[in-house]
Amino acid sequence: MSAAPKPVVLWAVPRSRSTAFLRIMIERGDLEVAHEPFSYLQSEGHFEFAGRRASSAIELLDVMLEVNAKERRVFAKDTSDYTYTSLFEDERLFGDVVNTFMIREPRSAISSHYAMNPGATLEEYGFEYLHTIFDAVRSATGEIPLVIDGDDLVADPEAMVRAYCERVELEFVPEAMRWEPGQQENWRRTNRWHAEVAESSGLVARPPQRRETPDTNEHLRRVAEYHQPFYDALARHRLTVGGDR
């Protein structure tokens, strides 16, 4: 009997369109989906997943691996505005989990993040720590992890999702590319961050909103300049449709 496919984690820079991607995974109906489980754990001190309660990152990883082995394949997405030191000291994260990554052009992501959280620290914009996670996975596995770009995703949603699914050994489900608008229990705690996804019925590129940008705000310019090299390093490995990375 072959082993169950490994759980998949999507590590994403904040405001990269990762919740829209997660919404597709929810719509499939065949996965146990977790929205920012390790972030929620840090902010609330516990996280409930598939009817089980975890109070530490290691306990939560235990639960995710158990659910994946005995019930349904697990898909989780989390963001790089928190740090997960204890989790990355557990070798199972590298050997027993498929770690994937999502980025977005920094100027757009940073402007969107600032509009939601103008008090964000330099680290909370997340590109540097996402690069740190990427390097940890690459070093531990000897392989280059899968990277997708949120801008590529909205430019050609079906092709990108199909390619992602192929890489992580998921069947592509075309019907999951459309959904009924509405909030999801998965992201109840952070509803205000996901209003656009909740109002949508599929992946679309929206016109830029009027907001502060690195062109109009000196603080954001410095933030963008700091994080750009980390984005560039990750973008060199991003998945492209119709060709190799």
Protein backbone atom coordinates (compact mmCIF):
# COMPACT_ATOMS: atom_id res chain seq x y z
CA MET A 1 0.00 0.00 0.00
CA SER A 2 1.49 3.33 -1.03
CA ALA A 3 1.96 6.10 1.52
CA ALA A 4 -0.62 8.89 1.67
CA PRO A 5 0.36 12.05 -0.22
CA LYS A 6 2.03 14.59 2.02
CA PRO A 7 0.18 17.63 3.35
CA VAL A 8 0.80 20.83 1.40
CA VAL A 9 1.67 24.16 3.01
CA LEU A 10 1.66 27.40 1.04
CA TRP A 11 3.92 29.98 2.70
CA ALA A 12 2.96 33.42 1.41
CA VAL A 13 4.02 37.00 1.75
CA PRO A 14 1.07 39.05 3.09
CA ARG A 15 -1.24 40.52 0.43
CA SER A 16 0.00 38.17 -2.27
CA ARG A 17 -3.51 36.88 -3.15
CA SER A 18 -2.88 33.73 -1.12
CA THR A 19 -6.36 33.75 0.44
CA ALA A 20 -7.91 33.73 -3.03
CA PHE A 21 -5.75 30.69 -3.78
CA LEU A 22 -6.90 29.09 -0.54
CA ARG A 23 -10.51 29.77 -1.55
CA ILE A 24 -9.97 27.52 -4.57
CA MET A 25 -8.65 24.78 -2.30
CA ILE A 26 -11.76 25.11 -0.10
CA GLU A 27 -14.05 24.90 -3.11
CA ARG A 28 -12.54 21.58 -4.21
CA GLY A 29 -14.24 19.85 -1.31
CA ASP A 30 -11.71 17.02 -1.02
CA LEU A 31 -9.14 18.67 1.25
CA GLU A 32 -8.94 19.55 4.94
CA VAL A 33 -8.05 23.24 4.62
CA ALA A 34 -6.40 25.42 7.26
CA HIS A 35 -6.19 29.19 6.92
CA GLU A 36 -3.07 30.63 8.61
CA PRO A 37 -3.00 28.01 11.37
CA PHE A 38 0.43 28.88 12.74
CA SER A 39 -0.31 32.62 12.66
CA TYR A 40 -3.61 32.12 14.48
CA LEU A 41 -1.83 29.89 17.00
CA GLN A 42 0.62 32.65 17.83
CA SER A 43 -2.01 35.35 18.15
CA GLU A 44 -4.60 33.33 20.10
CA GLY A 45 -2.52 30.68 21.86
CA HIS A 46 -4.36 27.76 20.30
CA PHE A 47 -5.77 26.54 16.99
CA GLU A 48 -8.53 24.05 16.26
CA PHE A 49 -8.12 21.91 13.18
CA ALA A 50 -10.43 19.09 12.11
CA GLY A 51 -11.99 19.02 15.56
CA ARG A 52 -8.67 18.84 17.38
CA ARG A 53 -7.15 21.61 19.52
CA ALA A 54 -3.43 22.40 19.47
CA SER A 55 -1.59 24.77 21.80
CA SER A 56 1.86 24.73 20.20
CA ALA A 57 3.30 24.63 16.71
CA ILE A 58 4.59 21.10 17.26
CA GLU A 59 1.18 19.90 18.49
CA LEU A 60 -0.43 21.50 15.47
CA LEU A 61 2.00 19.79 13.12
CA ASP A 62 1.19 16.50 14.90
CA VAL A 63 -2.52 17.07 14.22
CA MET A 64 -2.02 18.02 10.59
CA LEU A 65 0.09 14.95 9.90
CA GLU A 66 -2.43 12.68 11.66
CA VAL A 67 -5.39 14.10 9.74
CA ASN A 68 -3.48 13.80 6.49
CA ALA A 69 -2.57 10.17 7.15
CA LYS A 70 -5.92 8.96 8.47
CA GLU A 71 -8.63 11.22 7.05
CA ARG A 72 -8.12 13.69 4.19
CA ARG A 73 -5.18 15.36 2.56
CA VAL A 74 -4.34 18.64 4.25
CA PHE A 75 -3.78 22.01 2.58
CA ALA A 76 -2.72 24.97 4.72
CA LYS A 77 -1.60 28.45 3.86
CA ASP A 78 0.25 30.76 6.19
CA THR A 79 1.97 34.11 6.01
CA SER A 80 5.45 35.36 6.72
CA ASP A 81 4.56 38.31 8.96
CA TYR A 82 5.06 36.00 11.96
CA THR A 83 8.11 33.88 12.72
CA TYR A 84 7.90 30.14 13.41
CA THR A 85 11.17 29.23 15.09
CA SER A 86 10.06 26.10 16.96
CA LEU A 87 8.22 24.74 13.93
CA PHE A 88 11.32 24.94 11.77
CA GLU A 89 13.31 23.02 14.35
CA ASP A 90 11.08 19.99 13.66
CA GLU A 91 12.57 17.91 10.85
CA ARG A 92 9.14 16.55 9.96
CA LEU A 93 8.27 19.90 8.43
CA PHE A 94 10.86 19.23 5.74
CA GLY A 95 10.53 15.49 5.31
CA ASP A 96 6.80 14.95 5.75
CA VAL A 97 5.32 18.15 4.26
CA VAL A 98 5.34 19.68 0.77
CA ASN A 99 6.34 23.32 1.34
CA THR A 100 5.39 25.76 -1.43
CA PHE A 101 5.67 29.53 -1.67
CA MET A 102 3.74 32.54 -2.97
CA ILE A 103 5.13 35.98 -3.74
CA ARG A 104 3.89 39.19 -5.33
CA GLU A 105 5.63 42.26 -6.72
CA PRO A 106 6.66 44.15 -3.56
CA ARG A 107 5.42 47.62 -4.38
CA SER A 108 1.86 46.38 -4.86
CA ALA A 109 1.92 43.98 -1.92
CA ILE A 110 3.44 46.57 0.41
CA SER A 111 0.92 49.25 -0.59
CA SER A 112 -1.94 46.84 0.04
CA HIS A 113 -0.48 45.75 3.38
CA TYR A 114 0.05 49.34 4.51
CA ALA A 115 -3.57 50.20 3.70
CA MET A 116 -4.68 47.42 6.05
CA ASN A 117 -2.01 47.88 8.73
CA PRO A 118 -0.16 51.22 8.60
CA GLY A 119 1.64 50.34 11.82
CA ALA A 120 3.31 47.24 10.34
CA THR A 121 6.98 46.81 11.17
CA LEU A 122 9.59 46.35 8.46
CA GLU A 123 9.69 42.62 9.20
CA GLU A 124 5.91 42.19 9.01
CA TYR A 125 5.89 42.96 5.29
CA GLY A 126 7.30 39.46 5.11
CA PHE A 127 9.56 39.16 2.08
CA GLU A 128 12.76 38.69 4.05
CA TYR A 129 11.31 35.99 6.29
CA LEU A 130 9.66 34.22 3.37
CA HIS A 131 13.10 34.04 1.79
CA THR A 132 14.47 32.65 5.06
CA ILE A 133 11.81 29.91 5.06
CA PHE A 134 12.53 29.14 1.40
CA ASP A 135 16.25 28.77 2.11
CA ALA A 136 15.55 26.51 5.10
CA VAL A 137 13.39 24.21 2.96
CA ARG A 138 15.87 24.17 0.09
CA SER A 139 18.78 23.43 2.45
CA ALA A 140 16.91 20.63 4.26
CA THR A 141 15.52 18.92 1.16
CA GLY A 142 18.22 19.61 -1.42
CA GLU A 143 15.48 20.69 -3.83
CA ILE A 144 14.18 24.06 -5.03
CA PRO A 145 10.67 24.51 -3.61
CA LEU A 146 7.73 25.47 -5.78
CA VAL A 147 7.17 29.24 -5.99
CA ILE A 148 4.15 30.95 -7.55
CA ASP A 149 3.54 34.66 -8.07
CA GLY A 150 0.17 36.23 -7.25
CA ASP A 151 0.36 38.43 -10.35
CA ASP A 152 0.95 35.39 -12.56
CA LEU A 153 -1.98 33.70 -10.83
CA VAL A 154 -4.53 36.38 -11.74
CA ALA A 155 -3.07 36.75 -15.24
CA ASP A 156 -3.83 33.10 -16.09
CA PRO A 157 -5.68 31.50 -13.17
CA GLU A 158 -6.59 28.13 -14.62
CA ALA A 159 -3.19 27.43 -16.12
CA MET A 160 -1.35 28.42 -12.95
CA VAL A 161 -3.60 26.43 -10.63
CA ARG A 162 -3.43 23.42 -12.94
CA ALA A 163 0.37 23.60 -12.96
CA TYR A 164 0.52 24.00 -9.19
CA CYS A 165 -1.74 21.01 -8.66
CA GLU A 166 0.39 18.90 -10.97
CA ARG A 167 3.53 19.77 -9.02
CA VAL A 168 2.04 18.87 -5.63
CA GLU A 169 0.19 15.79 -6.90
CA LEU A 170 -3.35 17.11 -6.64
CA GLU A 171 -5.99 16.46 -9.24
CA PHE A 172 -6.98 19.71 -10.94
CA VAL A 173 -10.67 20.47 -10.33
CA PRO A 174 -11.93 23.04 -12.88
CA GLU A 175 -15.18 23.60 -10.97
CA ALA A 176 -13.20 24.92 -8.00
CA MET A 177 -12.14 27.99 -9.97
CA ARG A 178 -15.58 29.56 -9.32
CA TRP A 179 -17.43 29.93 -6.03
CA GLU A 180 -20.32 31.66 -4.32
CA PRO A 181 -19.33 34.97 -2.68
CA GLY A 182 -19.30 35.07 1.09
CA GLN A 183 -17.10 34.96 4.17
CA GLN A 184 -15.61 31.63 5.23
CA GLU A 185 -15.35 30.23 8.74
CA ASN A 186 -11.70 29.45 7.96
CA TRP A 187 -10.78 33.13 8.07
CA ARG A 188 -13.38 34.42 10.54
CA ARG A 189 -10.80 36.04 12.85
CA THR A 190 -9.30 38.12 10.05
CA ASN A 191 -12.42 38.86 7.99
CA ARG A 192 -11.48 42.46 7.26
CA TRP A 193 -8.28 41.37 5.51
CA HIS A 194 -10.19 39.16 3.09
CA ALA A 195 -13.13 41.33 2.04
CA GLU A 196 -12.19 41.29 -1.65
CA VAL A 197 -12.03 37.50 -1.74
CA ALA A 198 -15.32 37.24 0.14
CA GLU A 199 -17.00 39.53 -2.40
CA SER A 200 -15.57 37.68 -5.38
CA SER A 201 -16.65 34.57 -7.26
CA GLY A 202 -13.32 33.77 -8.90
CA LEU A 203 -9.79 34.97 -9.52
CA VAL A 204 -9.65 38.29 -11.36
CA ALA A 205 -7.16 41.14 -11.60
CA ARG A 206 -8.73 44.24 -10.07
CA PRO A 207 -7.85 47.84 -10.97
CA PRO A 208 -5.40 49.38 -8.47
CA GLN A 209 -7.11 51.22 -5.64
CA ARG A 210 -6.20 54.74 -4.66
CA ARG A 211 -3.83 54.32 -1.73
CA GLU A 212 -0.39 55.27 -0.50
CA THR A 213 2.41 53.71 -2.55
CA PRO A 214 6.21 53.78 -2.54
CA ASP A 215 5.90 56.61 -5.08
CA THR A 216 3.90 58.79 -2.69
CA ASN A 217 5.17 57.70 0.72
CA GLU A 218 8.84 57.84 1.74
CA HIS A 219 8.40 55.19 4.41
CA LEU A 220 6.93 52.75 1.88
CA ARG A 221 9.71 53.53 -0.56
CA ARG A 222 12.29 52.46 2.03
CA VAL A 223 10.27 49.34 2.88
CA ALA A 224 10.02 48.38 -0.80
CA GLU A 225 13.73 48.95 -1.39
CA TYR A 226 14.60 46.77 1.59
CA HIS A 227 12.42 43.85 0.54
CA GLN A 228 12.99 43.98 -3.24
CA PRO A 229 16.15 41.81 -3.19
CA PHE A 230 14.34 39.04 -1.31
CA TYR A 231 11.49 39.12 -3.82
CA ASP A 232 13.98 39.05 -6.71
CA ALA A 233 15.76 36.01 -5.25
CA LEU A 234 12.48 34.12 -4.93
CA ALA A 235 11.11 35.29 -8.28
CA ARG A 236 14.04 33.65 -10.07
CA HIS A 237 12.45 30.31 -9.17
CA ARG A 238 8.80 31.10 -9.77
CA LEU A 239 6.62 28.74 -11.72
CA THR A 240 5.90 29.86 -15.28
CA VAL A 241 3.13 28.43 -17.37
CA GLY A 242 4.27 26.68 -20.52
CA GLY A 243 7.89 26.34 -19.50
CA ASP A 244 10.30 25.25 -16.81
CA ARG A 245 11.11 27.35 -13.80
